[in-house]
N, C-alpha and C. Protein backbone atom coordinates (compact mmCIF):
# COMPACT_ATOMS: atom_id res chain seq x y z
N UNK A 1 110.15 79.79 102.46
CA UNK A 1 109.28 79.49 101.35
C UNK A 1 110.09 78.80 100.25
N UNK A 2 109.50 77.81 99.64
CA UNK A 2 110.16 77.11 98.55
C UNK A 2 109.70 77.67 97.22
N UNK A 3 110.65 78.12 96.44
CA UNK A 3 110.35 78.68 95.12
C UNK A 3 110.69 77.64 94.06
N UNK A 4 110.04 77.67 92.91
CA UNK A 4 108.87 78.48 92.58
C UNK A 4 107.59 77.85 93.12
N UNK A 5 106.56 78.67 93.23
CA UNK A 5 105.26 78.17 93.65
C UNK A 5 104.42 77.89 92.41
N UNK A 6 103.75 76.73 92.39
CA UNK A 6 102.81 76.46 91.31
C UNK A 6 101.48 77.13 91.65
N UNK A 7 100.53 77.03 90.74
CA UNK A 7 99.24 77.71 90.92
C UNK A 7 98.57 77.32 92.24
N UNK A 8 98.55 76.03 92.56
CA UNK A 8 97.93 75.59 93.82
C UNK A 8 98.66 76.18 95.02
N UNK A 9 100.00 76.24 94.94
CA UNK A 9 100.78 76.82 96.02
C UNK A 9 100.50 78.30 96.19
N UNK A 10 100.30 79.00 95.07
CA UNK A 10 99.98 80.43 95.11
C UNK A 10 98.62 80.64 95.76
N UNK A 11 97.64 79.86 95.35
CA UNK A 11 96.28 79.98 95.92
C UNK A 11 96.32 79.71 97.42
N UNK A 12 97.03 78.67 97.82
CA UNK A 12 97.16 78.34 99.24
C UNK A 12 97.84 79.47 100.00
N UNK A 13 98.89 80.06 99.42
CA UNK A 13 99.60 81.17 100.06
C UNK A 13 98.69 82.38 100.23
N UNK A 14 97.91 82.71 99.20
CA UNK A 14 96.99 83.84 99.30
C UNK A 14 95.97 83.59 100.42
N UNK A 15 95.42 82.39 100.48
CA UNK A 15 94.48 82.06 101.55
C UNK A 15 95.14 82.21 102.92
N UNK A 16 96.39 81.76 103.03
CA UNK A 16 97.12 81.83 104.29
C UNK A 16 97.24 83.27 104.79
N UNK A 17 97.32 84.23 103.87
CA UNK A 17 97.43 85.64 104.23
C UNK A 17 96.08 86.37 104.15
N UNK A 18 94.99 85.61 104.10
CA UNK A 18 93.62 86.16 104.05
C UNK A 18 93.43 87.10 102.87
N UNK A 19 93.93 86.68 101.72
CA UNK A 19 93.77 87.43 100.48
C UNK A 19 92.91 86.58 99.54
N UNK A 20 91.83 87.15 99.06
CA UNK A 20 90.96 86.45 98.12
C UNK A 20 91.72 86.20 96.82
N UNK A 21 91.81 84.94 96.39
CA UNK A 21 92.61 84.61 95.21
C UNK A 21 91.86 84.85 93.89
N UNK A 22 91.82 86.11 93.46
CA UNK A 22 91.23 86.42 92.15
C UNK A 22 92.20 85.99 91.05
N UNK A 23 91.73 85.92 89.84
CA UNK A 23 92.58 85.53 88.70
C UNK A 23 93.81 86.42 88.62
N UNK A 24 93.61 87.73 88.69
CA UNK A 24 94.74 88.64 88.53
C UNK A 24 95.71 88.57 89.71
N UNK A 25 95.21 88.39 90.91
CA UNK A 25 96.10 88.24 92.07
C UNK A 25 96.92 86.97 91.96
N UNK A 26 96.31 85.90 91.47
CA UNK A 26 97.03 84.64 91.28
C UNK A 26 98.13 84.82 90.23
N UNK A 27 97.82 85.50 89.14
CA UNK A 27 98.81 85.73 88.08
C UNK A 27 99.98 86.58 88.59
N UNK A 28 99.67 87.62 89.33
CA UNK A 28 100.72 88.51 89.86
C UNK A 28 101.56 87.77 90.90
N UNK A 29 100.91 87.07 91.83
CA UNK A 29 101.65 86.32 92.84
C UNK A 29 102.45 85.19 92.19
N UNK A 30 101.89 84.55 91.18
CA UNK A 30 102.60 83.48 90.47
C UNK A 30 103.90 83.98 89.87
N UNK A 31 103.87 85.19 89.34
CA UNK A 31 105.10 85.78 88.79
C UNK A 31 106.05 86.18 89.91
N UNK A 32 105.53 86.79 90.94
CA UNK A 32 106.37 87.30 92.04
C UNK A 32 107.05 86.17 92.79
N UNK A 33 106.40 85.03 92.93
CA UNK A 33 106.94 83.94 93.73
C UNK A 33 107.57 82.83 92.88
N UNK A 34 108.10 83.19 91.72
CA UNK A 34 108.89 82.25 90.93
C UNK A 34 110.24 81.99 91.60
N UNK A 35 110.73 83.02 92.33
CA UNK A 35 112.03 82.94 93.02
C UNK A 35 112.06 84.06 94.04
N UNK A 36 113.06 84.03 94.90
CA UNK A 36 113.28 85.16 95.81
C UNK A 36 113.78 86.31 94.94
N UNK A 37 113.06 87.43 94.95
CA UNK A 37 113.44 88.54 94.08
C UNK A 37 112.91 89.86 94.61
N UNK A 38 113.52 90.93 94.12
CA UNK A 38 113.12 92.30 94.44
C UNK A 38 112.72 92.94 93.13
N UNK A 39 111.46 93.34 93.03
CA UNK A 39 110.99 93.91 91.77
C UNK A 39 110.18 95.18 92.00
N UNK A 40 110.40 96.19 91.16
CA UNK A 40 109.49 97.34 91.18
C UNK A 40 108.21 96.98 90.43
N UNK A 41 107.16 97.73 90.66
CA UNK A 41 105.85 97.42 90.07
C UNK A 41 105.90 97.37 88.56
N UNK A 42 106.68 98.25 87.92
CA UNK A 42 106.72 98.24 86.46
C UNK A 42 107.30 96.95 85.90
N UNK A 43 108.27 96.35 86.61
CA UNK A 43 108.84 95.07 86.16
C UNK A 43 107.86 93.92 86.41
N UNK A 44 107.08 94.03 87.46
CA UNK A 44 106.05 93.01 87.72
C UNK A 44 105.01 93.08 86.60
N UNK A 45 104.56 94.29 86.27
CA UNK A 45 103.60 94.47 85.18
C UNK A 45 104.13 93.89 83.88
N UNK A 46 105.36 94.24 83.55
CA UNK A 46 105.99 93.76 82.33
C UNK A 46 106.09 92.24 82.31
N UNK A 47 106.52 91.65 83.43
CA UNK A 47 106.68 90.21 83.51
C UNK A 47 105.38 89.44 83.43
N UNK A 48 104.36 89.91 84.14
CA UNK A 48 103.06 89.24 84.13
C UNK A 48 102.46 89.28 82.73
N UNK A 49 102.52 90.44 82.10
CA UNK A 49 101.96 90.56 80.76
C UNK A 49 102.76 89.78 79.73
N UNK A 50 104.09 89.66 79.93
CA UNK A 50 104.93 88.87 79.03
C UNK A 50 104.58 87.39 79.10
N UNK A 51 104.02 86.96 80.23
CA UNK A 51 103.59 85.57 80.38
C UNK A 51 102.24 85.31 79.70
N UNK A 52 101.68 86.34 79.05
CA UNK A 52 100.44 86.17 78.33
C UNK A 52 99.20 86.57 79.10
N UNK A 53 99.38 87.16 80.27
CA UNK A 53 98.24 87.63 81.05
C UNK A 53 98.00 89.09 80.70
N UNK A 54 96.83 89.56 81.00
CA UNK A 54 96.51 90.95 80.70
C UNK A 54 96.08 91.64 81.99
N UNK A 55 97.04 92.32 82.63
CA UNK A 55 96.74 93.08 83.84
C UNK A 55 97.14 94.53 83.62
N UNK A 56 96.45 95.42 84.29
CA UNK A 56 96.72 96.85 84.14
C UNK A 56 97.74 97.30 85.18
N UNK A 57 98.32 98.45 84.92
CA UNK A 57 99.26 99.06 85.87
C UNK A 57 98.58 99.27 87.23
N UNK A 58 97.34 99.79 87.21
CA UNK A 58 96.62 100.04 88.46
C UNK A 58 96.40 98.75 89.24
N UNK A 59 96.09 97.66 88.54
CA UNK A 59 95.88 96.37 89.21
C UNK A 59 97.16 95.91 89.88
N UNK A 60 98.29 96.06 89.20
CA UNK A 60 99.57 95.65 89.80
C UNK A 60 99.85 96.49 91.04
N UNK A 61 99.73 97.80 90.94
CA UNK A 61 99.99 98.67 92.10
C UNK A 61 99.05 98.34 93.26
N UNK A 62 97.78 98.20 92.97
CA UNK A 62 96.81 97.88 94.03
C UNK A 62 97.07 96.51 94.65
N UNK A 63 97.37 95.54 93.82
CA UNK A 63 97.62 94.19 94.31
C UNK A 63 98.88 94.14 95.15
N UNK A 64 99.95 94.78 94.69
CA UNK A 64 101.19 94.76 95.46
C UNK A 64 101.03 95.53 96.76
N UNK A 65 100.25 96.59 96.74
CA UNK A 65 99.94 97.32 97.97
C UNK A 65 99.20 96.43 98.96
N UNK A 66 98.24 95.66 98.47
CA UNK A 66 97.50 94.72 99.32
C UNK A 66 98.44 93.64 99.85
N UNK A 67 99.28 93.08 98.99
CA UNK A 67 100.22 92.04 99.43
C UNK A 67 101.14 92.58 100.52
N UNK A 68 101.61 93.82 100.37
CA UNK A 68 102.48 94.43 101.38
C UNK A 68 101.72 94.67 102.68
N UNK A 69 100.50 95.18 102.56
CA UNK A 69 99.67 95.46 103.75
C UNK A 69 99.40 94.18 104.54
N UNK A 70 99.20 93.07 103.86
CA UNK A 70 98.89 91.80 104.51
C UNK A 70 100.15 91.07 104.99
N UNK A 71 101.34 91.56 104.61
CA UNK A 71 102.59 90.94 105.04
C UNK A 71 103.10 89.83 104.14
N UNK A 72 102.49 89.68 102.98
CA UNK A 72 102.91 88.64 102.03
C UNK A 72 104.24 89.00 101.38
N UNK A 73 104.44 90.28 101.09
CA UNK A 73 105.71 90.76 100.55
C UNK A 73 106.17 91.94 101.40
N UNK A 74 107.45 92.24 101.32
CA UNK A 74 107.97 93.43 101.96
C UNK A 74 108.07 94.53 100.93
N UNK A 75 107.69 95.72 101.32
CA UNK A 75 107.83 96.90 100.47
C UNK A 75 109.12 97.59 100.91
N UNK A 76 110.07 97.73 99.99
CA UNK A 76 111.35 98.34 100.30
C UNK A 76 111.40 99.69 99.59
N UNK A 77 111.34 100.74 100.38
CA UNK A 77 111.31 102.11 99.85
C UNK A 77 112.73 102.65 99.80
N UNK A 78 113.23 102.85 98.59
CA UNK A 78 114.56 103.42 98.40
C UNK A 78 114.46 104.94 98.42
N UNK A 79 113.51 105.46 97.68
CA UNK A 79 113.17 106.89 97.70
C UNK A 79 111.74 107.02 97.18
N UNK A 80 111.26 108.24 97.04
CA UNK A 80 109.84 108.42 96.65
C UNK A 80 109.52 107.79 95.30
N UNK A 81 110.50 107.69 94.42
CA UNK A 81 110.24 107.16 93.08
C UNK A 81 110.72 105.72 92.90
N UNK A 82 111.34 105.14 93.91
CA UNK A 82 111.93 103.81 93.76
C UNK A 82 111.47 102.91 94.90
N UNK A 83 110.51 102.04 94.59
CA UNK A 83 109.97 101.08 95.56
C UNK A 83 110.13 99.68 94.97
N UNK A 84 110.67 98.79 95.77
CA UNK A 84 110.79 97.39 95.38
C UNK A 84 109.83 96.56 96.22
N UNK A 85 109.34 95.47 95.63
CA UNK A 85 108.57 94.48 96.36
C UNK A 85 109.45 93.25 96.49
N UNK A 86 109.58 92.77 97.71
CA UNK A 86 110.50 91.70 98.06
C UNK A 86 109.70 90.45 98.39
N UNK A 87 109.93 89.37 97.64
CA UNK A 87 109.20 88.12 97.88
C UNK A 87 109.70 87.38 99.11
N UNK A 88 110.80 87.81 99.69
CA UNK A 88 111.33 87.22 100.92
C UNK A 88 110.80 88.04 102.09
N UNK A 89 109.82 87.53 102.80
CA UNK A 89 109.25 88.30 103.91
C UNK A 89 109.83 87.91 105.27
N UNK A 90 110.89 87.10 105.27
CA UNK A 90 111.60 86.80 106.53
C UNK A 90 112.41 88.04 106.93
N UNK A 91 112.68 88.23 108.22
CA UNK A 91 113.45 89.40 108.64
C UNK A 91 114.86 89.41 108.01
N UNK A 92 115.20 90.51 107.37
CA UNK A 92 116.53 90.69 106.78
C UNK A 92 116.71 92.16 106.41
N UNK A 93 117.90 92.49 105.97
CA UNK A 93 118.22 93.85 105.57
C UNK A 93 118.59 93.86 104.09
N UNK A 94 118.91 95.05 103.56
CA UNK A 94 119.21 95.17 102.14
C UNK A 94 120.42 96.05 101.86
N UNK A 95 121.04 95.78 100.73
CA UNK A 95 122.06 96.67 100.17
C UNK A 95 121.53 97.11 98.81
N UNK A 96 121.56 98.41 98.58
CA UNK A 96 121.08 98.98 97.32
C UNK A 96 122.25 99.64 96.61
N UNK A 97 122.52 99.19 95.38
CA UNK A 97 123.59 99.75 94.58
C UNK A 97 123.02 100.91 93.77
N UNK A 98 123.41 102.13 94.11
CA UNK A 98 122.86 103.30 93.43
C UNK A 98 123.35 103.41 91.99
N UNK A 99 124.48 102.75 91.66
CA UNK A 99 124.99 102.77 90.29
C UNK A 99 124.17 101.87 89.37
N UNK A 100 123.84 100.67 89.86
CA UNK A 100 123.17 99.68 89.01
C UNK A 100 121.68 99.57 89.26
N UNK A 101 121.20 100.07 90.40
CA UNK A 101 119.79 99.92 90.77
C UNK A 101 119.47 98.55 91.34
N UNK A 102 120.50 97.75 91.63
CA UNK A 102 120.29 96.41 92.17
C UNK A 102 120.06 96.47 93.68
N UNK A 103 119.09 95.69 94.14
CA UNK A 103 118.80 95.54 95.55
C UNK A 103 119.06 94.09 95.90
N UNK A 104 119.83 93.86 96.96
CA UNK A 104 120.10 92.48 97.36
C UNK A 104 119.90 92.32 98.86
N UNK A 105 119.64 91.08 99.25
CA UNK A 105 119.42 90.76 100.66
C UNK A 105 120.72 90.73 101.44
N UNK A 106 120.63 91.15 102.69
CA UNK A 106 121.70 90.99 103.67
C UNK A 106 121.08 90.25 104.85
N UNK A 107 121.67 89.13 105.23
CA UNK A 107 121.12 88.40 106.39
C UNK A 107 121.11 89.29 107.63
N UNK A 108 120.10 89.14 108.45
CA UNK A 108 119.97 89.94 109.67
C UNK A 108 121.20 89.86 110.55
N UNK A 109 121.83 88.70 110.60
CA UNK A 109 123.00 88.53 111.46
C UNK A 109 124.22 89.30 110.95
N UNK A 110 124.20 89.71 109.68
CA UNK A 110 125.33 90.46 109.11
C UNK A 110 125.29 91.95 109.47
N UNK A 111 124.19 92.40 110.04
CA UNK A 111 124.04 93.81 110.40
C UNK A 111 123.73 93.87 111.89
N UNK A 112 124.57 94.55 112.65
CA UNK A 112 124.37 94.67 114.08
C UNK A 112 123.90 96.09 114.41
N UNK A 113 122.81 96.20 115.14
CA UNK A 113 122.29 97.49 115.57
C UNK A 113 122.49 97.62 117.07
N UNK A 114 123.19 98.65 117.47
CA UNK A 114 123.46 98.89 118.89
C UNK A 114 122.93 100.26 119.27
N UNK A 115 122.64 100.42 120.55
CA UNK A 115 122.23 101.72 121.09
C UNK A 115 121.02 102.31 120.39
N UNK A 116 119.96 101.52 120.29
CA UNK A 116 118.72 102.06 119.74
C UNK A 116 118.20 103.16 120.66
N UNK A 117 117.55 104.16 120.12
CA UNK A 117 117.05 105.24 120.97
C UNK A 117 115.94 104.77 121.90
N UNK A 118 115.76 105.53 122.98
CA UNK A 118 114.66 105.27 123.91
C UNK A 118 113.38 105.82 123.29
N UNK A 119 112.29 105.11 123.49
CA UNK A 119 111.01 105.57 122.98
C UNK A 119 110.09 105.86 124.17
N UNK A 120 109.05 106.65 123.90
CA UNK A 120 108.16 107.02 124.99
C UNK A 120 107.52 105.78 125.61
N UNK A 121 107.05 105.97 126.83
CA UNK A 121 106.45 104.89 127.59
C UNK A 121 105.32 104.25 126.80
N UNK A 122 105.28 102.95 126.85
CA UNK A 122 104.24 102.21 126.14
C UNK A 122 104.63 101.83 124.72
N UNK A 123 105.80 102.27 124.24
CA UNK A 123 106.26 101.97 122.88
C UNK A 123 107.41 100.98 122.96
N UNK A 124 107.44 100.06 122.00
CA UNK A 124 108.54 99.11 121.92
C UNK A 124 108.93 98.90 120.47
N UNK A 125 110.17 98.55 120.23
CA UNK A 125 110.65 98.25 118.88
C UNK A 125 110.09 96.89 118.50
N UNK A 126 109.43 96.81 117.35
CA UNK A 126 108.86 95.55 116.88
C UNK A 126 109.61 95.00 115.67
N UNK A 127 110.53 95.79 115.14
CA UNK A 127 111.33 95.32 114.02
C UNK A 127 112.21 96.44 113.49
N UNK A 128 113.21 96.06 112.75
CA UNK A 128 114.08 97.04 112.10
C UNK A 128 114.38 96.56 110.70
N UNK A 129 114.54 97.49 109.79
CA UNK A 129 114.97 97.20 108.44
C UNK A 129 116.02 98.23 108.07
N UNK A 130 117.18 97.76 107.64
CA UNK A 130 118.27 98.64 107.27
C UNK A 130 118.49 98.51 105.77
N UNK A 131 118.62 99.66 105.10
CA UNK A 131 119.01 99.68 103.70
C UNK A 131 120.34 100.40 103.63
N UNK A 132 121.36 99.69 103.19
CA UNK A 132 122.68 100.27 103.04
C UNK A 132 122.85 100.62 101.57
N UNK A 133 123.04 101.88 101.28
CA UNK A 133 123.21 102.32 99.89
C UNK A 133 124.70 102.36 99.58
N UNK A 134 125.08 101.73 98.47
CA UNK A 134 126.48 101.66 98.06
C UNK A 134 126.62 102.21 96.64
N UNK A 135 127.84 102.70 96.34
CA UNK A 135 128.15 103.21 95.01
C UNK A 135 129.63 102.98 94.74
N UNK A 136 130.00 103.03 93.48
CA UNK A 136 131.41 102.90 93.10
C UNK A 136 132.20 104.05 93.67
N UNK A 137 133.46 103.77 93.98
CA UNK A 137 134.36 104.83 94.51
C UNK A 137 134.79 105.75 93.39
């Protein structure tokens, strides 16, 4: 994906993922797709409203949940209270710095997974996501 997306690009992207482009969804996606980034919902709310739009916390949470469900963004769960939305939906992994709260991308080729467990008959691995948590020594 080429960042940033203009309004027409955002509308086209929403249509591509079968998401009805309402005003608030366009505003939220417009903020989210300014660049490749990892943002929690509260930062998305803050950023969208700072741009002069008026969206509620519930709208941001519902919209980001819809975007994640449709595959437009990746939802990266660090713990029950820390969820990031990732505008890069290509396969990749993450490193999370517990000291700074920063989440960054790790290319898939930089992480090798060997000896995956066997799953019951009829089940297959369809993807993997690794989050490596790091902290200062």
